[in-house]
Amino acid sequence: EVIPFIQSLEKFSKIQVVGLMTMAPNTENEEIIR
């Protein structure tokens, strides 16, 4: 959904998409986090 959503923001003059954000799962498994 991310790219279609960002493309749909073109008409908004007050929004500048400087980047993406996420939160990793709360797990000890480093490979899942990575």
Full PDB file with SEQRES, HELIX, SHEET, SSBOND, CRYST1, ORIGX, SCALE, CONECT and MASTER records, all heavy atoms in Angstrom:
SEQRES   1 A   34  GLU VAL ILE PRO PHE ILE GLN SER LEU GLU LYS PHE SER          
SEQRES   2 A   34  LYS ILE GLN VAL VAL GLY LEU MET THR MET ALA PRO ASN          
SEQRES   3 A   34  THR GLU ASN GLU GLU ILE ILE ARG                              
HELIX    1 AA1 VAL A    2  GLN A    7  1                                   6    
HELIX    2 AA2 GLU A   30  ILE A   33  1                                   4    
CRYST1    1.000    1.000    1.000  90.00  90.00  90.00 P 1           1          
ORIGX1      1.000000  0.000000  0.000000        0.00000                         
ORIGX2      0.000000  1.000000  0.000000        0.00000                         
ORIGX3      0.000000  0.000000  1.000000        0.00000                         
SCALE1      1.000000  0.000000  0.000000        0.00000                         
SCALE2      0.000000  1.000000  0.000000        0.00000                         
SCALE3      0.000000  0.000000  1.000000        0.00000                         
ATOM      1  N   GLU A   1       0.806  -1.232   0.000  1.00  0.00           N  
ATOM      2  CA  GLU A   1       0.000   0.000   0.000  1.00  0.00           C  
ATOM      3  C   GLU A   1       0.834   1.275   0.000  1.00  0.00           C  
ATOM      4  O   GLU A   1       0.327   2.353  -0.321  1.00  0.00           O  
ATOM      5  CB  GLU A   1      -0.903   0.021   1.247  1.00  0.00           C  
ATOM      6  CG  GLU A   1      -1.993  -1.024   1.259  1.00  0.00           C  
ATOM      7  CD  GLU A   1      -2.711  -1.090   2.591  1.00  0.00           C  
ATOM      8  OE1 GLU A   1      -2.060  -0.950   3.659  1.00  0.00           O  
ATOM      9  OE2 GLU A   1      -3.943  -1.303   2.574  1.00  0.00           O  
ATOM     10  N   VAL A   2       2.123   1.174   0.370  1.00  0.00           N  
ATOM     11  CA  VAL A   2       2.921   2.379   0.613  1.00  0.00           C  
ATOM     12  C   VAL A   2       3.064   3.245  -0.630  1.00  0.00           C  
ATOM     13  O   VAL A   2       2.802   4.457  -0.590  1.00  0.00           O  
ATOM     14  CB  VAL A   2       4.311   2.003   1.190  1.00  0.00           C  
ATOM     15  CG1 VAL A   2       5.254   3.201   1.150  1.00  0.00           C  
ATOM     16  CG2 VAL A   2       4.165   1.510   2.629  1.00  0.00           C  
ATOM     17  N   ILE A   3       3.485   2.682  -1.746  1.00  0.00           N  
ATOM     18  CA  ILE A   3       3.729   3.509  -2.943  1.00  0.00           C  
ATOM     19  C   ILE A   3       2.436   4.106  -3.490  1.00  0.00           C  
ATOM     20  O   ILE A   3       2.390   5.312  -3.754  1.00  0.00           O  
ATOM     21  CB  ILE A   3       4.525   2.718  -4.002  1.00  0.00           C  
ATOM     22  CG1 ILE A   3       5.976   2.584  -3.527  1.00  0.00           C  
ATOM     23  CG2 ILE A   3       4.471   3.417  -5.363  1.00  0.00           C  
ATOM     24  CD1 ILE A   3       6.885   1.797  -4.429  1.00  0.00           C  
ATOM     25  N   PRO A   4       1.349   3.326  -3.648  1.00  0.00           N  
ATOM     26  CA  PRO A   4       0.099   3.960  -4.093  1.00  0.00           C  
ATOM     27  C   PRO A   4      -0.360   5.090  -3.163  1.00  0.00           C  
ATOM     28  O   PRO A   4      -0.853   6.127  -3.624  1.00  0.00           O  
ATOM     29  CB  PRO A   4      -0.908   2.813  -4.104  1.00  0.00           C  
ATOM     30  CG  PRO A   4      -0.076   1.587  -4.293  1.00  0.00           C  
ATOM     31  CD  PRO A   4       1.217   1.857  -3.583  1.00  0.00           C  
ATOM     32  N   PHE A   5      -0.165   4.896  -1.843  1.00  0.00           N  
ATOM     33  CA  PHE A   5      -0.555   5.947  -0.895  1.00  0.00           C  
ATOM     34  C   PHE A   5       0.271   7.210  -1.114  1.00  0.00           C  
ATOM     35  O   PHE A   5      -0.270   8.320  -1.183  1.00  0.00           O  
ATOM     36  CB  PHE A   5      -0.394   5.450   0.546  1.00  0.00           C  
ATOM     37  CG  PHE A   5      -0.689   6.492   1.588  1.00  0.00           C  
ATOM     38  CD1 PHE A   5      -1.980   6.933   1.823  1.00  0.00           C  
ATOM     39  CD2 PHE A   5       0.340   7.053   2.344  1.00  0.00           C  
ATOM     40  CE1 PHE A   5      -2.255   7.902   2.777  1.00  0.00           C  
ATOM     41  CE2 PHE A   5       0.082   8.015   3.305  1.00  0.00           C  
ATOM     42  CZ  PHE A   5      -1.221   8.445   3.514  1.00  0.00           C  
ATOM     43  N   ILE A   6       1.578   7.051  -1.240  1.00  0.00           N  
ATOM     44  CA  ILE A   6       2.438   8.222  -1.454  1.00  0.00           C  
ATOM     45  C   ILE A   6       2.086   8.915  -2.769  1.00  0.00           C  
ATOM     46  O   ILE A   6       2.021  10.146  -2.832  1.00  0.00           O  
ATOM     47  CB  ILE A   6       3.928   7.809  -1.413  1.00  0.00           C  
ATOM     48  CG1 ILE A   6       4.313   7.439   0.027  1.00  0.00           C  
ATOM     49  CG2 ILE A   6       4.832   8.944  -1.919  1.00  0.00           C  
ATOM     50  CD1 ILE A   6       5.720   6.886   0.182  1.00  0.00           C  
ATOM     51  N   GLN A   7       1.807   8.144  -3.807  1.00  0.00           N  
ATOM     52  CA  GLN A   7       1.430   8.756  -5.090  1.00  0.00           C  
ATOM     53  C   GLN A   7       0.130   9.553  -4.961  1.00  0.00           C  
ATOM     54  O   GLN A   7      -0.052  10.571  -5.627  1.00  0.00           O  
ATOM     55  CB  GLN A   7       1.298   7.664  -6.160  1.00  0.00           C  
ATOM     56  CG  GLN A   7       2.645   7.086  -6.572  1.00  0.00           C  
ATOM     57  CD  GLN A   7       2.527   5.880  -7.478  1.00  0.00           C  
ATOM     58  OE1 GLN A   7       1.640   5.042  -7.314  1.00  0.00           O  
ATOM     59  NE2 GLN A   7       3.440   5.772  -8.443  1.00  0.00           N  
ATOM     60  N   SER A   8      -0.759   9.111  -4.071  1.00  0.00           N  
ATOM     61  CA  SER A   8      -2.043   9.796  -3.900  1.00  0.00           C  
ATOM     62  C   SER A   8      -1.921  11.109  -3.131  1.00  0.00           C  
ATOM     63  O   SER A   8      -2.888  11.873  -3.032  1.00  0.00           O  
ATOM     64  CB  SER A   8      -3.030   8.881  -3.176  1.00  0.00           C  
ATOM     65  OG  SER A   8      -2.709   8.775  -1.794  1.00  0.00           O  
ATOM     66  N   LEU A   9      -0.719  11.400  -2.583  1.00  0.00           N  
ATOM     67  CA  LEU A   9      -0.526  12.626  -1.805  1.00  0.00           C  
ATOM     68  C   LEU A   9      -0.091  13.818  -2.659  1.00  0.00           C  
ATOM     69  O   LEU A   9       0.154  14.894  -2.128  1.00  0.00           O  
ATOM     70  CB  LEU A   9       0.535  12.387  -0.719  1.00  0.00           C  
ATOM     71  CG  LEU A   9       0.208  11.320   0.337  1.00  0.00           C  
ATOM     72  CD1 LEU A   9       1.412  11.082   1.241  1.00  0.00           C  
ATOM     73  CD2 LEU A   9      -1.011  11.722   1.163  1.00  0.00           C  
ATOM     74  N   GLU A  10      -0.005  13.641  -3.950  1.00  0.00           N  
ATOM     75  CA  GLU A  10       0.542  14.682  -4.827  1.00  0.00           C  
ATOM     76  C   GLU A  10      -0.165  16.027  -4.673  1.00  0.00           C  
ATOM     77  O   GLU A  10       0.459  17.085  -4.732  1.00  0.00           O  
ATOM     78  CB  GLU A  10       0.457  14.228  -6.285  1.00  0.00           C  
ATOM     79  CG  GLU A  10       1.079  15.218  -7.254  1.00  0.00           C  
ATOM     80  CD  GLU A  10       1.068  14.695  -8.681  1.00  0.00           C  
ATOM     81  OE1 GLU A  10       0.445  13.655  -8.941  1.00  0.00           O  
ATOM     82  OE2 GLU A  10       1.692  15.360  -9.538  1.00  0.00           O  
ATOM     83  N   LYS A  11      -1.463  15.997  -4.438  1.00  0.00           N  
ATOM     84  CA  LYS A  11      -2.246  17.242  -4.396  1.00  0.00           C  
ATOM     85  C   LYS A  11      -2.138  17.972  -3.059  1.00  0.00           C  
ATOM     86  O   LYS A  11      -2.670  19.069  -2.911  1.00  0.00           O  
ATOM     87  CB  LYS A  11      -3.714  16.943  -4.706  1.00  0.00           C  
ATOM     88  CG  LYS A  11      -4.404  16.036  -3.699  1.00  0.00           C  
ATOM     89  CD  LYS A  11      -5.846  15.758  -4.114  1.00  0.00           C  
ATOM     90  CE  LYS A  11      -6.587  14.876  -3.116  1.00  0.00           C  
ATOM     91  NZ  LYS A  11      -6.128  13.496  -3.095  1.00  0.00           N  
ATOM     92  N   PHE A  12      -1.442  17.392  -2.079  1.00  0.00           N  
ATOM     93  CA  PHE A  12      -1.382  18.002  -0.751  1.00  0.00           C  
ATOM     94  C   PHE A  12      -0.145  18.891  -0.622  1.00  0.00           C  
ATOM     95  O   PHE A  12       0.977  18.402  -0.552  1.00  0.00           O  
ATOM     96  CB  PHE A  12      -1.359  16.914   0.335  1.00  0.00           C  
ATOM     97  CG  PHE A  12      -2.625  16.110   0.409  1.00  0.00           C  
ATOM     98  CD1 PHE A  12      -2.671  14.808  -0.067  1.00  0.00           C  
ATOM     99  CD2 PHE A  12      -3.773  16.657   0.943  1.00  0.00           C  
ATOM    100  CE1 PHE A  12      -3.832  14.060   0.000  1.00  0.00           C  
ATOM    101  CE2 PHE A  12      -4.953  15.918   1.015  1.00  0.00           C  
ATOM    102  CZ  PHE A  12      -4.979  14.620   0.533  1.00  0.00           C  
ATOM    103  N   SER A  13      -0.372  20.190  -0.532  1.00  0.00           N  
ATOM    104  CA  SER A  13       0.754  21.140  -0.490  1.00  0.00           C  
ATOM    105  C   SER A  13       1.418  21.193   0.887  1.00  0.00           C  
ATOM    106  O   SER A  13       2.521  21.698   1.024  1.00  0.00           O  
ATOM    107  CB  SER A  13       0.265  22.537  -0.861  1.00  0.00           C  
ATOM    108  OG  SER A  13      -0.672  22.998   0.099  1.00  0.00           O  
ATOM    109  N   LYS A  14       0.747  20.681   1.933  1.00  0.00           N  
ATOM    110  CA  LYS A  14       1.269  20.790   3.296  1.00  0.00           C  
ATOM    111  C   LYS A  14       1.982  19.508   3.764  1.00  0.00           C  
ATOM    112  O   LYS A  14       2.357  19.406   4.930  1.00  0.00           O  
ATOM    113  CB  LYS A  14       0.114  21.107   4.270  1.00  0.00           C  
ATOM    114  CG  LYS A  14      -0.614  22.411   3.956  1.00  0.00           C  
ATOM    115  CD  LYS A  14       0.271  23.613   4.167  1.00  0.00           C  
ATOM    116  CE  LYS A  14      -0.389  24.902   3.723  1.00  0.00           C  
ATOM    117  NZ  LYS A  14      -1.730  25.129   4.258  1.00  0.00           N  
ATOM    118  N   ILE A  15       2.143  18.542   2.864  1.00  0.00           N  
ATOM    119  CA  ILE A  15       2.781  17.283   3.253  1.00  0.00           C  
ATOM    120  C   ILE A  15       4.029  17.052   2.409  1.00  0.00           C  
ATOM    121  O   ILE A  15       3.978  17.038   1.184  1.00  0.00           O  
ATOM    122  CB  ILE A  15       1.809  16.094   3.087  1.00  0.00           C  
ATOM    123  CG1 ILE A  15       0.684  16.198   4.119  1.00  0.00           C  
ATOM    124  CG2 ILE A  15       2.547  14.755   3.231  1.00  0.00           C  
ATOM    125  CD1 ILE A  15      -0.407  15.177   3.975  1.00  0.00           C  
ATOM    126  N   GLN A  16       5.155  16.897   3.100  1.00  0.00           N  
ATOM    127  CA  GLN A  16       6.402  16.518   2.434  1.00  0.00           C  
ATOM    128  C   GLN A  16       6.827  15.164   3.006  1.00  0.00           C  
ATOM    129  O   GLN A  16       7.091  15.036   4.209  1.00  0.00           O  
ATOM    130  CB  GLN A  16       7.504  17.549   2.677  1.00  0.00           C  
ATOM    131  CG  GLN A  16       8.788  17.199   1.928  1.00  0.00           C  
ATOM    132  CD  GLN A  16       9.941  18.124   2.267  1.00  0.00           C  
ATOM    133  OE1 GLN A  16      10.055  18.579   3.394  1.00  0.00           O  
ATOM    134  NE2 GLN A  16      10.790  18.385   1.285  1.00  0.00           N  
ATOM    135  N   VAL A  17       6.858  14.161   2.150  1.00  0.00           N  
ATOM    136  CA  VAL A  17       7.234  12.817   2.599  1.00  0.00           C  
ATOM    137  C   VAL A  17       8.759  12.722   2.602  1.00  0.00           C  
ATOM    138  O   VAL A  17       9.387  12.527   1.561  1.00  0.00           O  
ATOM    139  CB  VAL A  17       6.617  11.726   1.703  1.00  0.00           C  
ATOM    140  CG1 VAL A  17       7.048  10.330   2.195  1.00  0.00           C  
ATOM    141  CG2 VAL A  17       5.092  11.830   1.711  1.00  0.00           C  
ATOM    142  N   VAL A  18       9.349  12.897   3.775  1.00  0.00           N  
ATOM    143  CA  VAL A  18      10.817  12.883   3.884  1.00  0.00           C  
ATOM    144  C   VAL A  18      11.370  11.469   4.012  1.00  0.00           C  
ATOM    145  O   VAL A  18      12.564  11.242   3.808  1.00  0.00           O  
ATOM    146  CB  VAL A  18      11.324  13.751   5.059  1.00  0.00           C  
ATOM    147  CG1 VAL A  18      10.970  15.206   4.842  1.00  0.00           C  
ATOM    148  CG2 VAL A  18      10.784  13.243   6.400  1.00  0.00           C  
ATOM    149  N   GLY A  19      10.502  10.503   4.373  1.00  0.00           N  
ATOM    150  CA  GLY A  19      11.005   9.148   4.539  1.00  0.00           C  
ATOM    151  C   GLY A  19       9.920   8.171   4.934  1.00  0.00           C  
ATOM    152  O   GLY A  19       8.732   8.493   4.941  1.00  0.00           O  
ATOM    153  N   LEU A  20      10.360   6.970   5.285  1.00  0.00           N  
ATOM    154  CA  LEU A  20       9.471   5.908   5.746  1.00  0.00           C  
ATOM    155  C   LEU A  20       9.827   5.536   7.181  1.00  0.00           C  
ATOM    156  O   LEU A  20      10.971   5.696   7.613  1.00  0.00           O  
ATOM    157  CB  LEU A  20       9.604   4.663   4.868  1.00  0.00           C  
ATOM    158  CG  LEU A  20       9.352   4.830   3.367  1.00  0.00           C  
ATOM    159  CD1 LEU A  20       9.505   3.478   2.656  1.00  0.00           C  
ATOM    160  CD2 LEU A  20       7.983   5.429   3.083  1.00  0.00           C  
ATOM    161  N   MET A  21       8.850   5.040   7.911  1.00  0.00           N  
ATOM    162  CA  MET A  21       9.046   4.622   9.302  1.00  0.00           C  
ATOM    163  C   MET A  21       8.460   3.235   9.509  1.00  0.00           C  
ATOM    164  O   MET A  21       7.433   2.907   8.903  1.00  0.00           O  
ATOM    165  CB  MET A  21       8.356   5.616  10.246  1.00  0.00           C  
ATOM    166  CG  MET A  21       8.592   5.337  11.738  1.00  0.00           C  
ATOM    167  SD  MET A  21       7.531   4.047  12.433  1.00  0.00           S  
ATOM    168  CE  MET A  21       6.359   5.025  13.347  1.00  0.00           C  
ATOM    169  N   THR A  22       9.120   2.432  10.327  1.00  0.00           N  
ATOM    170  CA  THR A  22       8.526   1.173  10.756  1.00  0.00           C  
ATOM    171  C   THR A  22       9.011   0.815  12.149  1.00  0.00           C  
ATOM    172  O   THR A  22       9.970   1.407  12.654  1.00  0.00           O  
ATOM    173  CB  THR A  22       8.847   0.017   9.775  1.00  0.00           C  
ATOM    174  OG1 THR A  22       7.890  -1.031   9.967  1.00  0.00           O  
ATOM    175  CG2 THR A  22      10.256  -0.540   9.966  1.00  0.00           C  
ATOM    176  N   MET A  23       8.321  -0.161  12.748  1.00  0.00           N  
ATOM    177  CA  MET A  23       8.722  -0.734  14.034  1.00  0.00           C  
ATOM    178  C   MET A  23       8.907  -2.232  13.824  1.00  0.00           C  
ATOM    179  O   MET A  23       8.053  -2.888  13.223  1.00  0.00           O  
ATOM    180  CB  MET A  23       7.645  -0.483  15.099  1.00  0.00           C  
ATOM    181  CG  MET A  23       7.444   0.986  15.415  1.00  0.00           C  
ATOM    182  SD  MET A  23       6.014   1.258  16.481  1.00  0.00           S  
ATOM    183  CE  MET A  23       6.583   0.527  18.005  1.00  0.00           C  
ATOM    184  N   ALA A  24      10.012  -2.754  14.314  1.00  0.00           N  
ATOM    185  CA  ALA A  24      10.274  -4.186  14.190  1.00  0.00           C  
ATOM    186  C   ALA A  24       9.489  -4.962  15.243  1.00  0.00           C  
ATOM    187  O   ALA A  24       9.099  -4.403  16.268  1.00  0.00           O  
ATOM    188  CB  ALA A  24      11.769  -4.457  14.345  1.00  0.00           C  
ATOM    189  N   PRO A  25       9.263  -6.247  15.004  1.00  0.00           N  
ATOM    190  CA  PRO A  25       8.591  -7.068  16.020  1.00  0.00           C  
ATOM    191  C   PRO A  25       9.414  -7.140  17.305  1.00  0.00           C  
ATOM    192  O   PRO A  25      10.643  -7.015  17.268  1.00  0.00           O  
ATOM    193  CB  PRO A  25       8.507  -8.456  15.369  1.00  0.00           C  
ATOM    194  CG  PRO A  25       8.769  -8.244  13.924  1.00  0.00           C  
ATOM    195  CD  PRO A  25       9.617  -7.014  13.811  1.00  0.00           C  
ATOM    196  N   ASN A  26       8.735  -7.345  18.407  1.00  0.00           N  
ATOM    197  CA  ASN A  26       9.408  -7.500  19.702  1.00  0.00           C  
ATOM    198  C   ASN A  26       9.858  -8.958  19.833  1.00  0.00           C  
ATOM    199  O   ASN A  26       9.142  -9.811  20.341  1.00  0.00           O  
ATOM    200  CB  ASN A  26       8.448  -7.114  20.828  1.00  0.00           C  
ATOM    201  CG  ASN A  26       9.132  -7.134  22.186  1.00  0.00           C  
ATOM    202  OD1 ASN A  26      10.364  -7.174  22.258  1.00  0.00           O  
ATOM    203  ND2 ASN A  26       8.356  -7.131  23.248  1.00  0.00           N  
ATOM    204  N   THR A  27      11.047  -9.234  19.301  1.00  0.00           N  
ATOM    205  CA  THR A  27      11.547 -10.606  19.279  1.00  0.00           C  
ATOM    206  C   THR A  27      13.056 -10.598  19.521  1.00  0.00           C  
ATOM    207  O   THR A  27      13.722  -9.593  19.269  1.00  0.00           O  
ATOM    208  CB  THR A  27      11.242 -11.279  17.926  1.00  0.00           C  
ATOM    209  OG1 THR A  27      11.864 -12.581  17.888  1.00  0.00           O  
ATOM    210  CG2 THR A  27      11.781 -10.471  16.750  1.00  0.00           C  
ATOM    211  N   GLU A  28      13.562 -11.724  20.002  1.00  0.00           N  
ATOM    212  CA  GLU A  28      15.007 -11.882  20.168  1.00  0.00           C  
ATOM    213  C   GLU A  28      15.674 -12.327  18.863  1.00  0.00           C  
ATOM    214  O   GLU A  28      16.897 -12.355  18.765  1.00  0.00           O  
ATOM    215  CB  GLU A  28      15.300 -12.927  21.259  1.00  0.00           C  
ATOM    216  CG  GLU A  28      14.777 -12.560  22.641  1.00  0.00           C  
ATOM    217  CD  GLU A  28      15.488 -11.359  23.234  1.00  0.00           C  
ATOM    218  OE1 GLU A  28      16.722 -11.311  23.188  1.00  0.00           O  
ATOM    219  OE2 GLU A  28      14.791 -10.452  23.740  1.00  0.00           O  
ATOM    220  N   ASN A  29      14.849 -12.704  17.878  1.00  0.00           N  
ATOM    221  CA  ASN A  29      15.377 -13.245  16.626  1.00  0.00           C  
ATOM    222  C   ASN A  29      15.897 -12.112  15.738  1.00  0.00           C  
ATOM    223  O   ASN A  29      15.133 -11.386  15.107  1.00  0.00           O  
ATOM    224  CB  ASN A  29      14.288 -14.035  15.897  1.00  0.00           C  
ATOM    225  CG  ASN A  29      14.830 -14.791  14.696  1.00  0.00           C  
ATOM    226  OD1 ASN A  29      15.710 -14.310  13.985  1.00  0.00           O  
ATOM    227  ND2 ASN A  29      14.304 -15.985  14.468  1.00  0.00           N  
ATOM    228  N   GLU A  30      17.214 -11.977  15.702  1.00  0.00           N  
ATOM    229  CA  GLU A  30      17.830 -10.862  14.980  1.00  0.00           C  
ATOM    230  C   GLU A  30      17.529 -10.901  13.491  1.00  0.00           C  
ATOM    231  O   GLU A  30      17.370  -9.858  12.853  1.00  0.00           O  
ATOM    232  CB  GLU A  30      19.350 -10.896  15.202  1.00  0.00           C  
ATOM    233  CG  GLU A  30      20.063  -9.708  14.601  1.00  0.00           C  
ATOM    234  CD  GLU A  30      21.569  -9.743  14.865  1.00  0.00           C  
ATOM    235  OE1 GLU A  30      21.957  -9.890  16.046  1.00  0.00           O  
ATOM    236  OE2 GLU A  30      22.324  -9.601  13.894  1.00  0.00           O  
ATOM    237  N   GLU A  31      17.410 -12.095  12.919  1.00  0.00           N  
ATOM    238  CA  GLU A  31      17.165 -12.191  11.473  1.00  0.00           C  
ATOM    239  C   GLU A  31      15.782 -11.666  11.101  1.00  0.00           C  
ATOM    240  O   GLU A  31      15.605 -11.055  10.043  1.00  0.00           O  
ATOM    241  CB  GLU A  31      17.343 -13.641  10.983  1.00  0.00           C  
ATOM    242  CG  GLU A  31      18.794 -14.015  10.764  1.00  0.00           C  
ATOM    243  CD  GLU A  31      19.572 -12.970   9.954  1.00  0.00           C  
ATOM    244  OE1 GLU A  31      19.130 -12.615   8.846  1.00  0.00           O  
ATOM    245  OE2 GLU A  31      20.612 -12.484  10.444  1.00  0.00           O  
ATOM    246  N   ILE A  32      14.796 -11.901  11.967  1.00  0.00           N  
ATOM    247  CA  ILE A  32      13.448 -11.366  11.714  1.00  0.00           C  
ATOM    248  C   ILE A  32      13.487  -9.838  11.747  1.00  0.00           C  
ATOM    249  O   ILE A  32      12.941  -9.161  10.872  1.00  0.00           O  
ATOM    250  CB  ILE A  32      12.437 -11.915  12.750  1.00  0.00           C  
ATOM    251  CG1 ILE A  32      12.228 -13.417  12.535  1.00  0.00           C  
ATOM    252  CG2 ILE A  32      11.113 -11.165  12.669  1.00  0.00           C  
ATOM    253  CD1 ILE A  32      11.371 -14.085  13.602  1.00  0.00           C  
ATOM    254  N   ILE A  33      14.160  -9.284  12.761  1.00  0.00           N  
ATOM    255  CA  ILE A  33      14.286  -7.825  12.883  1.00  0.00           C  
ATOM    256  C   ILE A  33      15.008  -7.257  11.671  1.00  0.00           C  
ATOM    257  O   ILE A  33      14.572  -6.279  11.051  1.00  0.00           O  
ATOM    258  CB  ILE A  33      15.038  -7.464  14.180  1.00  0.00           C  
ATOM    259  CG1 ILE A  33      14.243  -7.903  15.414  1.00  0.00           C  
ATOM    260  CG2 ILE A  33      15.333  -5.956  14.236  1.00  0.00           C  
ATOM    261  CD1 ILE A  33      15.018  -7.829  16.712  1.00  0.00           C  
ATOM    262  N   ARG A  34      16.104  -7.895  11.308  1.00  0.00           N  
ATOM    263  CA  ARG A  34      16.924  -7.409  10.190  1.00  0.00           C  
ATOM    264  C   ARG A  34      16.126  -7.399   8.883  1.00  0.00           C  
ATOM    265  O   ARG A  34      16.221  -6.480   8.083  1.00  0.00           O  
ATOM    266  CB  ARG A  34      18.172  -8.290  10.064  1.00  0.00           C  
ATOM    267  CG  ARG A  34      19.248  -7.703   9.168  1.00  0.00           C  
ATOM    268  CD  ARG A  34      20.514  -8.545   9.220  1.00  0.00           C  
ATOM    269  NE  ARG A  34      21.201  -8.498  10.509  1.00  0.00           N  
ATOM    270  CZ  ARG A  34      21.970  -7.476  10.905  1.00  0.00           C  
ATOM    271  NH1 ARG A  34      22.136  -6.422  10.118  1.00  0.00           N  
ATOM    272  NH2 ARG A  34      22.562  -7.510  12.080  1.00  0.00           N  
TER     273      ARG A  34                                                      
MASTER        0    0    0    2    0    0    0    6  272    1    0    3          
END                                                                             
